[in-house]
PDB file of N, CA and C in Angstrom:
ATOM      1  N   UNK A   1      20.750  90.384  51.374  1.00  0.00           N
ATOM      2  CA  UNK A   1      20.220  89.430  52.327  1.00  0.00           C
ATOM      3  C   UNK A   1      19.548  90.200  53.462  1.00  0.00           C
ATOM      4  N   UNK A   2      18.333  89.849  53.774  1.00  0.00           N
ATOM      5  CA  UNK A   2      17.665  90.442  54.918  1.00  0.00           C
ATOM      6  C   UNK A   2      17.840  89.511  56.110  1.00  0.00           C
ATOM      7  N   UNK A   3      17.573  90.036  57.283  1.00  0.00           N
ATOM      8  CA  UNK A   3      17.726  89.222  58.483  1.00  0.00           C
ATOM      9  C   UNK A   3      16.870  87.964  58.384  1.00  0.00           C
ATOM     10  N   UNK A   4      15.662  88.081  57.825  1.00  0.00           N
ATOM     11  CA  UNK A   4      14.781  86.926  57.753  1.00  0.00           C
ATOM     12  C   UNK A   4      15.329  85.843  56.832  1.00  0.00           C
ATOM     13  N   UNK A   5      16.280  86.178  55.984  1.00  0.00           N
ATOM     14  CA  UNK A   5      16.884  85.185  55.099  1.00  0.00           C
ATOM     15  C   UNK A   5      18.128  84.551  55.715  1.00  0.00           C
ATOM     16  N   UNK A   6      18.496  84.966  56.905  1.00  0.00           N
ATOM     17  CA  UNK A   6      19.693  84.450  57.560  1.00  0.00           C
ATOM     18  C   UNK A   6      19.430  83.040  58.080  1.00  0.00           C
ATOM     19  N   UNK A   7      20.273  82.099  57.646  1.00  0.00           N
ATOM     20  CA  UNK A   7      20.174  80.724  58.124  1.00  0.00           C
ATOM     21  C   UNK A   7      21.223  80.526  59.208  1.00  0.00           C
ATOM     22  N   UNK A   8      20.753  80.131  60.380  1.00  0.00           N
ATOM     23  CA  UNK A   8      21.636  79.901  61.515  1.00  0.00           C
ATOM     24  C   UNK A   8      21.604  78.418  61.858  1.00  0.00           C
ATOM     25  N   UNK A   9      22.777  77.813  61.869  1.00  0.00           N
ATOM     26  CA  UNK A   9      22.911  76.430  62.299  1.00  0.00           C
ATOM     27  C   UNK A   9      23.290  76.433  63.774  1.00  0.00           C
ATOM     28  N   UNK A  10      22.446  75.828  64.599  1.00  0.00           N
ATOM     29  CA  UNK A  10      22.684  75.733  66.038  1.00  0.00           C
ATOM     30  C   UNK A  10      23.151  74.313  66.348  1.00  0.00           C
ATOM     31  N   UNK A  11      24.328  74.216  66.955  1.00  0.00           N
ATOM     32  CA  UNK A  11      24.882  72.919  67.348  1.00  0.00           C
ATOM     33  C   UNK A  11      24.992  72.925  68.870  1.00  0.00           C
ATOM     34  N   UNK A  12      24.102  72.192  69.519  1.00  0.00           N
ATOM     35  CA  UNK A  12      24.030  72.178  70.991  1.00  0.00           C
ATOM     36  C   UNK A  12      23.548  70.805  71.425  1.00  0.00           C
ATOM     37  N   UNK A  13      24.332  70.124  72.262  1.00  0.00           N
ATOM     38  CA  UNK A  13      23.978  68.776  72.677  1.00  0.00           C
ATOM     39  C   UNK A  13      22.895  68.730  73.751  1.00  0.00           C
ATOM     40  N   UNK A  14      22.734  69.778  74.514  1.00  0.00           N
ATOM     41  CA  UNK A  14      21.734  69.805  75.584  1.00  0.00           C
ATOM     42  C   UNK A  14      20.379  70.243  75.012  1.00  0.00           C
ATOM     43  N   UNK A  15      19.349  69.390  75.092  1.00  0.00           N
ATOM     44  CA  UNK A  15      18.046  69.729  74.514  1.00  0.00           C
ATOM     45  C   UNK A  15      17.466  71.045  75.056  1.00  0.00           C
ATOM     46  N   UNK A  16      17.609  71.269  76.351  1.00  0.00           N
ATOM     47  CA  UNK A  16      17.089  72.530  76.931  1.00  0.00           C
ATOM     48  C   UNK A  16      17.866  73.723  76.397  1.00  0.00           C
ATOM     49  N   UNK A  17      19.178  73.601  76.307  1.00  0.00           N
ATOM     50  CA  UNK A  17      19.996  74.681  75.767  1.00  0.00           C
ATOM     51  C   UNK A  17      19.666  74.971  74.318  1.00  0.00           C
ATOM     52  N   UNK A  18      19.446  73.917  73.555  1.00  0.00           N
ATOM     53  CA  UNK A  18      19.092  74.057  72.140  1.00  0.00           C
ATOM     54  C   UNK A  18      17.764  74.800  71.993  1.00  0.00           C
ATOM     55  N   UNK A  19      16.794  74.409  72.798  1.00  0.00           N
ATOM     56  CA  UNK A  19      15.479  75.058  72.713  1.00  0.00           C
ATOM     57  C   UNK A  19      15.538  76.494  73.214  1.00  0.00           C
ATOM     58  N   UNK A  20      16.351  76.762  74.224  1.00  0.00           N
ATOM     59  CA  UNK A  20      16.508  78.132  74.719  1.00  0.00           C
ATOM     60  C   UNK A  20      17.108  79.030  73.633  1.00  0.00           C
ATOM     61  N   UNK A  21      18.126  78.528  72.938  1.00  0.00           N
ATOM     62  CA  UNK A  21      18.722  79.296  71.837  1.00  0.00           C
ATOM     63  C   UNK A  21      17.689  79.552  70.738  1.00  0.00           C
ATOM     64  N   UNK A  22      16.952  78.515  70.391  1.00  0.00           N
ATOM     65  CA  UNK A  22      15.926  78.661  69.344  1.00  0.00           C
ATOM     66  C   UNK A  22      14.867  79.672  69.763  1.00  0.00           C
ATOM     67  N   UNK A  23      14.455  79.623  71.027  1.00  0.00           N
ATOM     68  CA  UNK A  23      13.439  80.554  71.514  1.00  0.00           C
ATOM     69  C   UNK A  23      13.931  82.002  71.449  1.00  0.00           C
ATOM     70  N   UNK A  24      15.228  82.216  71.656  1.00  0.00           N
ATOM     71  CA  UNK A  24      15.790  83.569  71.583  1.00  0.00           C
ATOM     72  C   UNK A  24      15.866  84.073  70.139  1.00  0.00           C
ATOM     73  N   UNK A  25      16.082  83.170  69.188  1.00  0.00           N
ATOM     74  CA  UNK A  25      16.328  83.578  67.800  1.00  0.00           C
ATOM     75  C   UNK A  25      15.092  83.533  66.897  1.00  0.00           C
ATOM     76  N   UNK A  26      14.144  82.655  67.187  1.00  0.00           N
ATOM     77  CA  UNK A  26      12.945  82.541  66.335  1.00  0.00           C
ATOM     78  C   UNK A  26      12.202  83.865  66.156  1.00  0.00           C
ATOM     79  N   UNK A  27      11.995  84.640  67.221  1.00  0.00           N
ATOM     80  CA  UNK A  27      11.245  85.896  67.047  1.00  0.00           C
ATOM     81  C   UNK A  27      11.907  86.888  66.083  1.00  0.00           C
ATOM     82  N   UNK A  28      13.192  86.712  65.820  1.00  0.00           N
ATOM     83  CA  UNK A  28      13.893  87.621  64.911  1.00  0.00           C
ATOM     84  C   UNK A  28      13.698  87.235  63.449  1.00  0.00           C
ATOM     85  N   UNK A  29      13.035  86.114  63.190  1.00  0.00           N
ATOM     86  CA  UNK A  29      12.726  85.723  61.816  1.00  0.00           C
ATOM     87  C   UNK A  29      13.816  84.939  61.116  1.00  0.00           C
ATOM     88  N   UNK A  30      14.777  84.432  61.840  1.00  0.00           N
ATOM     89  CA  UNK A  30      15.843  83.654  61.236  1.00  0.00           C
ATOM     90  C   UNK A  30      15.363  82.253  60.884  1.00  0.00           C
ATOM     91  N   UNK A  31      15.969  81.673  59.858  1.00  0.00           N
ATOM     92  CA  UNK A  31      15.754  80.257  59.566  1.00  0.00           C
ATOM     93  C   UNK A  31      16.731  79.499  60.452  1.00  0.00           C
ATOM     94  N   UNK A  32      16.202  78.638  61.308  1.00  0.00           N
ATOM     95  CA  UNK A  32      17.043  77.899  62.244  1.00  0.00           C
ATOM     96  C   UNK A  32      17.111  76.433  61.864  1.00  0.00           C
ATOM     97  N   UNK A  33      18.296  75.893  61.937  1.00  0.00           N
ATOM     98  CA  UNK A  33      18.524  74.460  61.787  1.00  0.00           C
ATOM     99  C   UNK A  33      19.201  74.019  63.074  1.00  0.00           C
ATOM    100  N   UNK A  34      18.643  73.024  63.742  1.00  0.00           N
ATOM    101  CA  UNK A  34      19.144  72.586  65.044  1.00  0.00           C
ATOM    102  C   UNK A  34      19.730  71.182  64.944  1.00  0.00           C
ATOM    103  N   UNK A  35      20.925  71.005  65.502  1.00  0.00           N
ATOM    104  CA  UNK A  35      21.525  69.681  65.584  1.00  0.00           C
ATOM    105  C   UNK A  35      21.992  69.451  67.017  1.00  0.00           C
ATOM    106  N   UNK A  36      22.149  68.172  67.367  1.00  0.00           N
ATOM    107  CA  UNK A  36      22.451  67.852  68.758  1.00  0.00           C
ATOM    108  C   UNK A  36      23.878  67.384  69.019  1.00  0.00           C
ATOM    109  N   UNK A  37      24.744  67.474  68.010  1.00  0.00           N
ATOM    110  CA  UNK A  37      26.153  67.144  68.241  1.00  0.00           C
ATOM    111  C   UNK A  37      27.010  67.701  67.114  1.00  0.00           C
ATOM    112  N   UNK A  38      28.302  67.742  67.354  1.00  0.00           N
ATOM    113  CA  UNK A  38      29.217  68.338  66.395  1.00  0.00           C
ATOM    114  C   UNK A  38      29.275  67.615  65.069  1.00  0.00           C
ATOM    115  N   UNK A  39      29.232  66.288  65.102  1.00  0.00           N
ATOM    116  CA  UNK A  39      29.289  65.514  63.867  1.00  0.00           C
ATOM    117  C   UNK A  39      28.076  65.800  62.994  1.00  0.00           C
ATOM    118  N   UNK A  40      26.890  65.740  63.588  1.00  0.00           N
ATOM    119  CA  UNK A  40      25.663  66.039  62.839  1.00  0.00           C
ATOM    120  C   UNK A  40      25.658  67.497  62.375  1.00  0.00           C
ATOM    121  N   UNK A  41      26.194  68.378  63.212  1.00  0.00           N
ATOM    122  CA  UNK A  41      26.268  69.790  62.846  1.00  0.00           C
ATOM    123  C   UNK A  41      27.141  70.009  61.627  1.00  0.00           C
ATOM    124  N   UNK A  42      28.253  69.309  61.570  1.00  0.00           N
ATOM    125  CA  UNK A  42      29.157  69.443  60.431  1.00  0.00           C
ATOM    126  C   UNK A  42      28.509  68.911  59.150  1.00  0.00           C
ATOM    127  N   UNK A  43      27.809  67.800  59.255  1.00  0.00           N
ATOM    128  CA  UNK A  43      27.082  67.259  58.095  1.00  0.00           C
ATOM    129  C   UNK A  43      26.047  68.278  57.615  1.00  0.00           C
ATOM    130  N   UNK A  44      25.295  68.847  58.548  1.00  0.00           N
ATOM    131  CA  UNK A  44      24.259  69.828  58.203  1.00  0.00           C
ATOM    132  C   UNK A  44      24.889  71.087  57.627  1.00  0.00           C
ATOM    133  N   UNK A  45      26.027  71.519  58.157  1.00  0.00           N
ATOM    134  CA  UNK A  45      26.708  72.704  57.637  1.00  0.00           C
ATOM    135  C   UNK A  45      27.115  72.488  56.183  1.00  0.00           C
ATOM    136  N   UNK A  46      27.627  71.320  55.875  1.00  0.00           N
ATOM    137  CA  UNK A  46      28.045  71.027  54.496  1.00  0.00           C
ATOM    138  C   UNK A  46      26.847  70.972  53.555  1.00  0.00           C
ATOM    139  N   UNK A  47      25.721  70.530  54.074  1.00  0.00           N
ATOM    140  CA  UNK A  47      24.494  70.455  53.279  1.00  0.00           C
ATOM    141  C   UNK A  47      23.913  71.850  53.016  1.00  0.00           C
ATOM    142  N   UNK A  48      23.902  72.689  54.036  1.00  0.00           N
ATOM    143  CA  UNK A  48      23.222  73.989  53.968  1.00  0.00           C
ATOM    144  C   UNK A  48      24.100  75.171  53.556  1.00  0.00           C
ATOM    145  N   UNK A  49      25.364  75.146  53.970  1.00  0.00           N
ATOM    146  CA  UNK A  49      26.248  76.315  53.942  1.00  0.00           C
ATOM    147  C   UNK A  49      25.494  77.490  54.603  1.00  0.00           C
ATOM    148  N   UNK A  50      25.341  77.407  55.940  1.00  0.00           N
ATOM    149  CA  UNK A  50      24.569  78.424  56.665  1.00  0.00           C
ATOM    150  C   UNK A  50      25.265  79.782  56.670  1.00  0.00           C
ATOM    151  N   UNK A  51      24.520  80.800  57.062  1.00  0.00           N
ATOM    152  CA  UNK A  51      25.068  82.149  57.169  1.00  0.00           C
ATOM    153  C   UNK A  51      25.860  82.319  58.467  1.00  0.00           C
ATOM    154  N   UNK A  52      25.448  81.607  59.507  1.00  0.00           N
ATOM    155  CA  UNK A  52      26.090  81.676  60.826  1.00  0.00           C
ATOM    156  C   UNK A  52      26.025  80.292  61.458  1.00  0.00           C
ATOM    157  N   UNK A  53      27.109  79.914  62.129  1.00  0.00           N
ATOM    158  CA  UNK A  53      27.105  78.698  62.933  1.00  0.00           C
ATOM    159  C   UNK A  53      27.233  79.117  64.395  1.00  0.00           C
ATOM    160  N   UNK A  54      26.316  78.626  65.200  1.00  0.00           N
ATOM    161  CA  UNK A  54      26.285  78.897  66.635  1.00  0.00           C
ATOM    162  C   UNK A  54      26.496  77.554  67.322  1.00  0.00           C
ATOM    163  N   UNK A  55      27.655  77.372  67.959  1.00  0.00           N
ATOM    164  CA  UNK A  55      27.985  76.052  68.493  1.00  0.00           C
ATOM    165  C   UNK A  55      28.394  76.099  69.957  1.00  0.00           C
ATOM    166  N   UNK A  56      27.908  75.108  70.687  1.00  0.00           N
ATOM    167  CA  UNK A  56      28.391  74.865  72.035  1.00  0.00           C
ATOM    168  C   UNK A  56      29.839  74.391  71.918  1.00  0.00           C
ATOM    169  N   UNK A  57      30.620  74.556  72.969  1.00  0.00           N
ATOM    170  CA  UNK A  57      32.006  74.088  72.949  1.00  0.00           C
ATOM    171  C   UNK A  57      32.101  72.677  73.516  1.00  0.00           C
ATOM    172  N   UNK A  58      31.586  72.485  74.712  1.00  0.00           N
ATOM    173  CA  UNK A  58      31.733  71.208  75.407  1.00  0.00           C
ATOM    174  C   UNK A  58      30.621  70.248  74.976  1.00  0.00           C
ATOM    175  N   UNK A  59      30.962  69.387  74.024  1.00  0.00           N
ATOM    176  CA  UNK A  59      30.019  68.382  73.531  1.00  0.00           C
ATOM    177  C   UNK A  59      30.755  67.053  73.417  1.00  0.00           C
ATOM    178  N   UNK A  60      30.032  65.947  73.606  1.00  0.00           N
ATOM    179  CA  UNK A  60      30.665  64.649  73.391  1.00  0.00           C
ATOM    180  C   UNK A  60      30.898  64.435  71.891  1.00  0.00           C
ATOM    181  N   UNK A  61      31.715  63.497  71.557  1.00  0.00           N
ATOM    182  CA  UNK A  61      31.982  63.135  70.170  1.00  0.00           C
ATOM    183  C   UNK A  61      32.907  64.127  69.476  1.00  0.00           C
ATOM    184  N   UNK A  62      32.447  65.341  69.324  1.00  0.00           N
ATOM    185  CA  UNK A  62      33.204  66.378  68.615  1.00  0.00           C
ATOM    186  C   UNK A  62      32.954  67.711  69.323  1.00  0.00           C
ATOM    187  N   UNK A  63      34.010  68.330  69.833  1.00  0.00           N
ATOM    188  CA  UNK A  63      33.850  69.595  70.550  1.00  0.00           C
ATOM    189  C   UNK A  63      33.587  70.742  69.577  1.00  0.00           C
ATOM    190  N   UNK A  64      33.169  71.852  70.114  1.00  0.00           N
ATOM    191  CA  UNK A  64      32.993  73.047  69.301  1.00  0.00           C
ATOM    192  C   UNK A  64      34.297  73.505  68.658  1.00  0.00           C
ATOM    193  N   UNK A  65      35.411  73.308  69.356  1.00  0.00           N
ATOM    194  CA  UNK A  65      36.718  73.648  68.784  1.00  0.00           C
ATOM    195  C   UNK A  65      36.988  72.804  67.540  1.00  0.00           C
ATOM    196  N   UNK A  66      36.667  71.511  67.635  1.00  0.00           N
ATOM    197  CA  UNK A  66      36.870  70.617  66.496  1.00  0.00           C
ATOM    198  C   UNK A  66      35.931  70.960  65.346  1.00  0.00           C
ATOM    199  N   UNK A  67      34.719  71.373  65.673  1.00  0.00           N
ATOM    200  CA  UNK A  67      33.787  71.831  64.636  1.00  0.00           C
ATOM    201  C   UNK A  67      34.396  73.031  63.911  1.00  0.00           C
ATOM    202  N   UNK A  68      34.911  73.985  64.671  1.00  0.00           N
ATOM    203  CA  UNK A  68      35.546  75.167  64.071  1.00  0.00           C
ATOM    204  C   UNK A  68      36.655  74.766  63.102  1.00  0.00           C
ATOM    205  N   UNK A  69      37.529  73.884  63.547  1.00  0.00           N
ATOM    206  CA  UNK A  69      38.647  73.466  62.709  1.00  0.00           C
ATOM    207  C   UNK A  69      38.159  72.804  61.418  1.00  0.00           C
ATOM    208  N   UNK A  70      37.145  71.960  61.523  1.00  0.00           N
ATOM    209  CA  UNK A  70      36.615  71.281  60.344  1.00  0.00           C
ATOM    210  C   UNK A  70      35.941  72.268  59.392  1.00  0.00           C
ATOM    211  N   UNK A  71      35.222  73.227  59.937  1.00  0.00           N
ATOM    212  CA  UNK A  71      34.567  74.249  59.105  1.00  0.00           C
ATOM    213  C   UNK A  71      35.616  75.077  58.383  1.00  0.00           C
ATOM    214  N   UNK A  72      36.637  75.499  59.091  1.00  0.00           N
ATOM    215  CA  UNK A  72      37.683  76.336  58.476  1.00  0.00           C
ATOM    216  C   UNK A  72      38.477  75.568  57.417  1.00  0.00           C
ATOM    217  N   UNK A  73      38.535  74.247  57.531  1.00  0.00           N
ATOM    218  CA  UNK A  73      39.266  73.423  56.560  1.00  0.00           C
ATOM    219  C   UNK A  73      38.448  73.138  55.298  1.00  0.00           C
ATOM    220  N   UNK A  74      37.151  73.417  55.340  1.00  0.00           N
ATOM    221  CA  UNK A  74      36.265  73.140  54.199  1.00  0.00           C
ATOM    222  C   UNK A  74      36.171  74.380  53.321  1.00  0.00           C
ATOM    223  N   UNK A  75      36.594  74.297  52.061  1.00  0.00           N
ATOM    224  CA  UNK A  75      36.579  75.478  51.185  1.00  0.00           C
ATOM    225  C   UNK A  75      35.203  76.143  51.042  1.00  0.00           C
ATOM    226  N   UNK A  76      34.129  75.371  51.096  1.00  0.00           N
ATOM    227  CA  UNK A  76      32.780  75.947  50.961  1.00  0.00           C
ATOM    228  C   UNK A  76      32.304  76.630  52.241  1.00  0.00           C
ATOM    229  N   UNK A  77      32.878  76.253  53.379  1.00  0.00           N
ATOM    230  CA  UNK A  77      32.401  76.759  54.672  1.00  0.00           C
ATOM    231  C   UNK A  77      33.359  77.722  55.349  1.00  0.00           C
ATOM    232  N   UNK A  78      34.577  77.816  54.855  1.00  0.00           N
ATOM    233  CA  UNK A  78      35.629  78.500  55.604  1.00  0.00           C
ATOM    234  C   UNK A  78      35.330  79.957  55.951  1.00  0.00           C
ATOM    235  N   UNK A  79      34.421  80.612  55.232  1.00  0.00           N
ATOM    236  CA  UNK A  79      34.089  82.008  55.515  1.00  0.00           C
ATOM    237  C   UNK A  79      32.847  82.172  56.395  1.00  0.00           C
ATOM    238  N   UNK A  80      32.191  81.081  56.766  1.00  0.00           N
ATOM    239  CA  UNK A  80      30.979  81.158  57.595  1.00  0.00           C
ATOM    240  C   UNK A  80      31.365  81.603  59.004  1.00  0.00           C
ATOM    241  N   UNK A  81      30.762  82.666  59.508  1.00  0.00           N
ATOM    242  CA  UNK A  81      31.051  83.109  60.880  1.00  0.00           C
ATOM    243  C   UNK A  81      30.624  82.050  61.905  1.00  0.00           C
ATOM    244  N   UNK A  82      31.483  81.849  62.896  1.00  0.00           N
ATOM    245  CA  UNK A  82      31.213  80.873  63.954  1.00  0.00           C
ATOM    246  C   UNK A  82      31.190  81.594  65.293  1.00  0.00           C
ATOM    247  N   UNK A  83      30.099  81.423  66.005  1.00  0.00           N
ATOM    248  CA  UNK A  83      29.941  81.980  67.343  1.00  0.00           C
ATOM    249  C   UNK A  83      29.912  80.801  68.315  1.00  0.00           C
ATOM    250  N   UNK A  84      30.871  80.741  69.214  1.00  0.00           N
ATOM    251  CA  UNK A  84      30.931  79.666  70.198  1.00  0.00           C
ATOM    252  C   UNK A  84      30.237  80.084  71.485  1.00  0.00           C
ATOM    253  N   UNK A  85      29.443  79.173  72.015  1.00  0.00           N
ATOM    254  CA  UNK A  85      28.785  79.388  73.298  1.00  0.00           C
ATOM    255  C   UNK A  85      29.471  78.467  74.290  1.00  0.00           C
ATOM    256  N   UNK A  86      29.984  79.052  75.376  1.00  0.00           N
ATOM    257  CA  UNK A  86      30.794  78.241  76.277  1.00  0.00           C
ATOM    258  C   UNK A  86      30.671  78.648  77.736  1.00  0.00           C
ATOM    259  N   UNK A  87      30.774  77.644  78.586  1.00  0.00           N
ATOM    260  CA  UNK A  87      30.862  77.899  80.018  1.00  0.00           C
ATOM    261  C   UNK A  87      32.314  78.126  80.410  1.00  0.00           C
ATOM    262  N   UNK A  88      33.233  77.817  79.504  1.00  0.00           N
ATOM    263  CA  UNK A  88      34.657  78.030  79.757  1.00  0.00           C
ATOM    264  C   UNK A  88      34.946  79.521  79.652  1.00  0.00           C
ATOM    265  N   UNK A  89      35.507  80.092  80.698  1.00  0.00           N
ATOM    266  CA  UNK A  89      35.769  81.529  80.638  1.00  0.00           C
ATOM    267  C   UNK A  89      37.240  81.867  80.863  1.00  0.00           C
ATOM    268  N   UNK A  90      38.083  80.839  80.839  1.00  0.00           N
ATOM    269  CA  UNK A  90      39.499  81.098  81.033  1.00  0.00           C
ATOM    270  C   UNK A  90      40.147  81.554  79.723  1.00  0.00           C
ATOM    271  N   UNK A  91      41.221  82.265  79.864  1.00  0.00           N
ATOM    272  CA  UNK A  91      41.941  82.838  78.718  1.00  0.00           C
ATOM    273  C   UNK A  91      42.418  81.761  77.745  1.00  0.00           C
ATOM    274  N   UNK A  92      42.926  80.654  78.271  1.00  0.00           N
ATOM    275  CA  UNK A  92      43.447  79.582  77.423  1.00  0.00           C
ATOM    276  C   UNK A  92      42.355  79.005  76.516  1.00  0.00           C
ATOM    277  N   UNK A  93      41.150  78.844  77.048  1.00  0.00           N
ATOM    278  CA  UNK A  93      40.043  78.319  76.240  1.00  0.00           C
ATOM    279  C   UNK A  93      39.646  79.301  75.145  1.00  0.00           C
ATOM    280  N   UNK A  94      39.633  80.575  75.471  1.00  0.00           N
ATOM    281  CA  UNK A  94      39.313  81.588  74.455  1.00  0.00           C
ATOM    282  C   UNK A  94      40.357  81.585  73.344  1.00  0.00           C
ATOM    283  N   UNK A  95      41.615  81.502  73.727  1.00  0.00           N
ATOM    284  CA  UNK A  95      42.686  81.462  72.725  1.00  0.00           C
ATOM    285  C   UNK A  95      42.566  80.201  71.876  1.00  0.00           C
ATOM    286  N   UNK A  96      42.265  79.083  72.503  1.00  0.00           N
ATOM    287  CA  UNK A  96      42.071  77.844  71.743  1.00  0.00           C
ATOM    288  C   UNK A  96      40.941  78.004  70.731  1.00  0.00           C
ATOM    289  N   UNK A  97      39.859  78.644  71.137  1.00  0.00           N
ATOM    290  CA  UNK A  97      38.732  78.889  70.240  1.00  0.00           C
ATOM    291  C   UNK A  97      39.098  79.783  69.074  1.00  0.00           C
ATOM    292  N   UNK A  98      39.831  80.839  69.359  1.00  0.00           N
ATOM    293  CA  UNK A  98      40.270  81.756  68.298  1.00  0.00           C
ATOM    294  C   UNK A  98      41.181  81.017  67.326  1.00  0.00           C
ATOM    295  N   UNK A  99      42.124  80.246  67.865  1.00  0.00           N
ATOM    296  CA  UNK A  99      43.033  79.492  67.004  1.00  0.00           C
ATOM    297  C   UNK A  99      42.303  78.429  66.192  1.00  0.00           C
ATOM    298  N   UNK A 100      41.200  77.912  66.715  1.00  0.00           N
ATOM    299  CA  UNK A 100      40.403  76.921  65.985  1.00  0.00           C
ATOM    300  C   UNK A 100      39.563  77.569  64.889  1.00  0.00           C
ATOM    301  N   UNK A 101      39.348  78.897  64.996  1.00  0.00           N
ATOM    302  CA  UNK A 101      38.597  79.590  63.952  1.00  0.00           C
ATOM    303  C   UNK A 101      37.338  80.298  64.384  1.00  0.00           C
ATOM    304  N   UNK A 102      37.081  80.380  65.692  1.00  0.00           N
ATOM    305  CA  UNK A 102      35.880  81.074  66.173  1.00  0.00           C
ATOM    306  C   UNK A 102      35.982  82.577  65.910  1.00  0.00           C
ATOM    307  N   UNK A 103      34.849  83.172  65.578  1.00  0.00           N
ATOM    308  CA  UNK A 103      34.790  84.617  65.352  1.00  0.00           C
ATOM    309  C   UNK A 103      34.314  85.378  66.585  1.00  0.00           C
ATOM    310  N   UNK A 104      33.433  84.760  67.351  1.00  0.00           N
ATOM    311  CA  UNK A 104      32.836  85.400  68.521  1.00  0.00           C
ATOM    312  C   UNK A 104      32.628  84.358  69.610  1.00  0.00           C
ATOM    313  N   UNK A 105      32.447  84.840  70.836  1.00  0.00           N
ATOM    314  CA  UNK A 105      32.150  83.981  71.977  1.00  0.00           C
ATOM    315  C   UNK A 105      30.967  84.561  72.737  1.00  0.00           C
ATOM    316  N   UNK A 106      30.146  83.677  73.250  1.00  0.00           N
ATOM    317  CA  UNK A 106      29.082  84.040  74.182  1.00  0.00           C
ATOM    318  C   UNK A 106      29.284  83.135  75.397  1.00  0.00           C
ATOM    319  N   UNK A 107      29.304  83.730  76.583  1.00  0.00           N
ATOM    320  CA  UNK A 107      29.494  82.948  77.800  1.00  0.00           C
ATOM    321  C   UNK A 107      28.172  82.417  78.320  1.00  0.00           C
ATOM    322  N   UNK A 108      28.200  81.180  78.819  1.00  0.00           N
ATOM    323  CA  UNK A 108      27.041  80.589  79.484  1.00  0.00           C
ATOM    324  C   UNK A 108      27.113  80.929  80.960  1.00  0.00           C
ATOM    325  N   UNK A 109      26.012  81.200  81.596  1.00  0.00           N
ATOM    326  CA  UNK A 109      24.705  81.341  80.973  1.00  0.00           C
ATOM    327  C   UNK A 109      24.678  82.624  80.148  1.00  0.00           C
ATOM    328  N   UNK A 110      24.093  82.540  78.968  1.00  0.00           N
ATOM    329  CA  UNK A 110      24.139  83.688  78.073  1.00  0.00           C
ATOM    330  C   UNK A 110      22.988  84.647  78.325  1.00  0.00           C
ATOM    331  N   UNK A 111      23.226  85.881  77.966  1.00  0.00           N
ATOM    332  CA  UNK A 111      22.217  86.930  78.040  1.00  0.00           C
ATOM    333  C   UNK A 111      21.538  86.994  76.671  1.00  0.00           C
ATOM    334  N   UNK A 112      20.229  86.850  76.636  1.00  0.00           N
ATOM    335  CA  UNK A 112      19.485  86.857  75.376  1.00  0.00           C
ATOM    336  C   UNK A 112      19.693  88.118  74.572  1.00  0.00           C
ATOM    337  N   UNK A 113      19.771  89.260  75.247  1.00  0.00           N
ATOM    338  CA  UNK A 113      19.984  90.524  74.530  1.00  0.00           C
ATOM    339  C   UNK A 113      21.346  90.548  73.843  1.00  0.00           C
ATOM    340  N   UNK A 114      22.378  90.057  74.537  1.00  0.00           N
ATOM    341  CA  UNK A 114      23.710  90.012  73.943  1.00  0.00           C
ATOM    342  C   UNK A 114      23.735  89.053  72.750  1.00  0.00           C
ATOM    343  N   UNK A 115      23.125  87.878  72.911  1.00  0.00           N
ATOM    344  CA  UNK A 115      23.076  86.899  71.826  1.00  0.00           C
ATOM    345  C   UNK A 115      22.421  87.505  70.591  1.00  0.00           C
ATOM    346  N   UNK A 116      21.248  88.114  70.772  1.00  0.00           N
ATOM    347  CA  UNK A 116      20.528  88.701  69.633  1.00  0.00           C
ATOM    348  C   UNK A 116      21.320  89.846  69.003  1.00  0.00           C
ATOM    349  N   UNK A 117      21.980  90.659  69.825  1.00  0.00           N
ATOM    350  CA  UNK A 117      22.783  91.766  69.296  1.00  0.00           C
ATOM    351  C   UNK A 117      23.953  91.232  68.462  1.00  0.00           C
ATOM    352  N   UNK A 118      24.615  90.212  68.942  1.00  0.00           N
ATOM    353  CA  UNK A 118      25.743  89.640  68.189  1.00  0.00           C
ATOM    354  C   UNK A 118      25.263  89.002  66.880  1.00  0.00           C
ATOM    355  N   UNK A 119      24.142  88.310  66.923  1.00  0.00           N
ATOM    356  CA  UNK A 119      23.600  87.696  65.707  1.00  0.00           C
ATOM    357  C   UNK A 119      23.203  88.783  64.703  1.00  0.00           C
ATOM    358  N   UNK A 120      22.584  89.859  65.179  1.00  0.00           N
ATOM    359  CA  UNK A 120      22.223  90.975  64.271  1.00  0.00           C
ATOM    360  C   UNK A 120      23.472  91.580  63.645  1.00  0.00           C
ATOM    361  N   UNK A 121      24.529  91.782  64.442  1.00  0.00           N
ATOM    362  CA  UNK A 121      25.769  92.356  63.930  1.00  0.00           C
ATOM    363  C   UNK A 121      26.391  91.450  62.867  1.00  0.00           C
ATOM    364  N   UNK A 122      26.454  90.151  63.147  1.00  0.00           N
ATOM    365  CA  UNK A 122      27.045  89.218  62.186  1.00  0.00           C
ATOM    366  C   UNK A 122      26.197  89.173  60.920  1.00  0.00           C
ATOM    367  N   UNK A 123      24.883  89.202  61.061  1.00  0.00           N
ATOM    368  CA  UNK A 123      23.991  89.194  59.890  1.00  0.00           C
ATOM    369  C   UNK A 123      24.228  90.411  59.024  1.00  0.00           C
ATOM    370  N   UNK A 124      24.397  91.568  59.642  1.00  0.00           N
ATOM    371  CA  UNK A 124      24.668  92.787  58.873  1.00  0.00           C
ATOM    372  C   UNK A 124      26.012  92.701  58.157  1.00  0.00           C
ATOM    373  N   UNK A 125      27.030  92.216  58.855  1.00  0.00           N
ATOM    374  CA  UNK A 125      28.350  92.068  58.232  1.00  0.00           C
ATOM    375  C   UNK A 125      28.314  91.075  57.070  1.00  0.00           C
ATOM    376  N   UNK A 126      27.498  90.033  57.201  1.00  0.00           N
ATOM    377  CA  UNK A 126      27.392  89.033  56.134  1.00  0.00           C
ATOM    378  C   UNK A 126      26.869  89.644  54.841  1.00  0.00           C
ATOM    379  N   UNK A 127      26.045  90.667  54.947  1.00  0.00           N
ATOM    380  CA  UNK A 127      25.518  91.311  53.743  1.00  0.00           C
ATOM    381  C   UNK A 127      26.602  91.930  52.893  1.00  0.00           C
ATOM    382  N   UNK A 128      27.724  92.291  53.530  1.00  0.00           N
ATOM    383  CA  UNK A 128      28.806  92.928  52.813  1.00  0.00           C
ATOM    384  C   UNK A 128      29.846  91.933  52.293  1.00  0.00           C
ATOM    385  N   UNK A 129      29.663  90.644  52.628  1.00  0.00           N
ATOM    386  CA  UNK A 129      30.601  89.617  52.146  1.00  0.00           C
ATOM    387  C   UNK A 129      30.348  89.307  50.698  1.00  0.00           C
TER     388      UNK A 129
END
C-alpha cells in the first residue's frame, strides 16, 4: 500500500474543522471520505473499511468515544487505527479514549505538521499489517 492508496475517514461535526482537516491531508494524496457525525461515520466505515479513522470526540448524537467502541466491536473494522481529535486534554478523557479503543490523540487546536506526521506513521505501520 502506498500513501496515495490510504483511505482516511474523517468524522467531524464542525464544517470548518472538517474542511481544515481535509485541507491538511489532501496534499499528501490520501483518499478522503468526510462525514459530519458519528452515526454517519460508522455507516461509512462499515461501507469502506478505511485504512485510518480520524474522529472528533465531542459530537452530538454519537461521541468519538462511542465511535471507537462500535468500531472495535465490529469484526471487519476492529483493526482499523483510530486517531481522536479532541479539545479535552485531561487525563481522564485520554484514559476514556484509550479504553474505548483509540490508538492516537491529537489535541485541538491541532498542529498540521503533527497531524501529517502521525498520519504518515500510521500509514507506514498499516503496510505491515
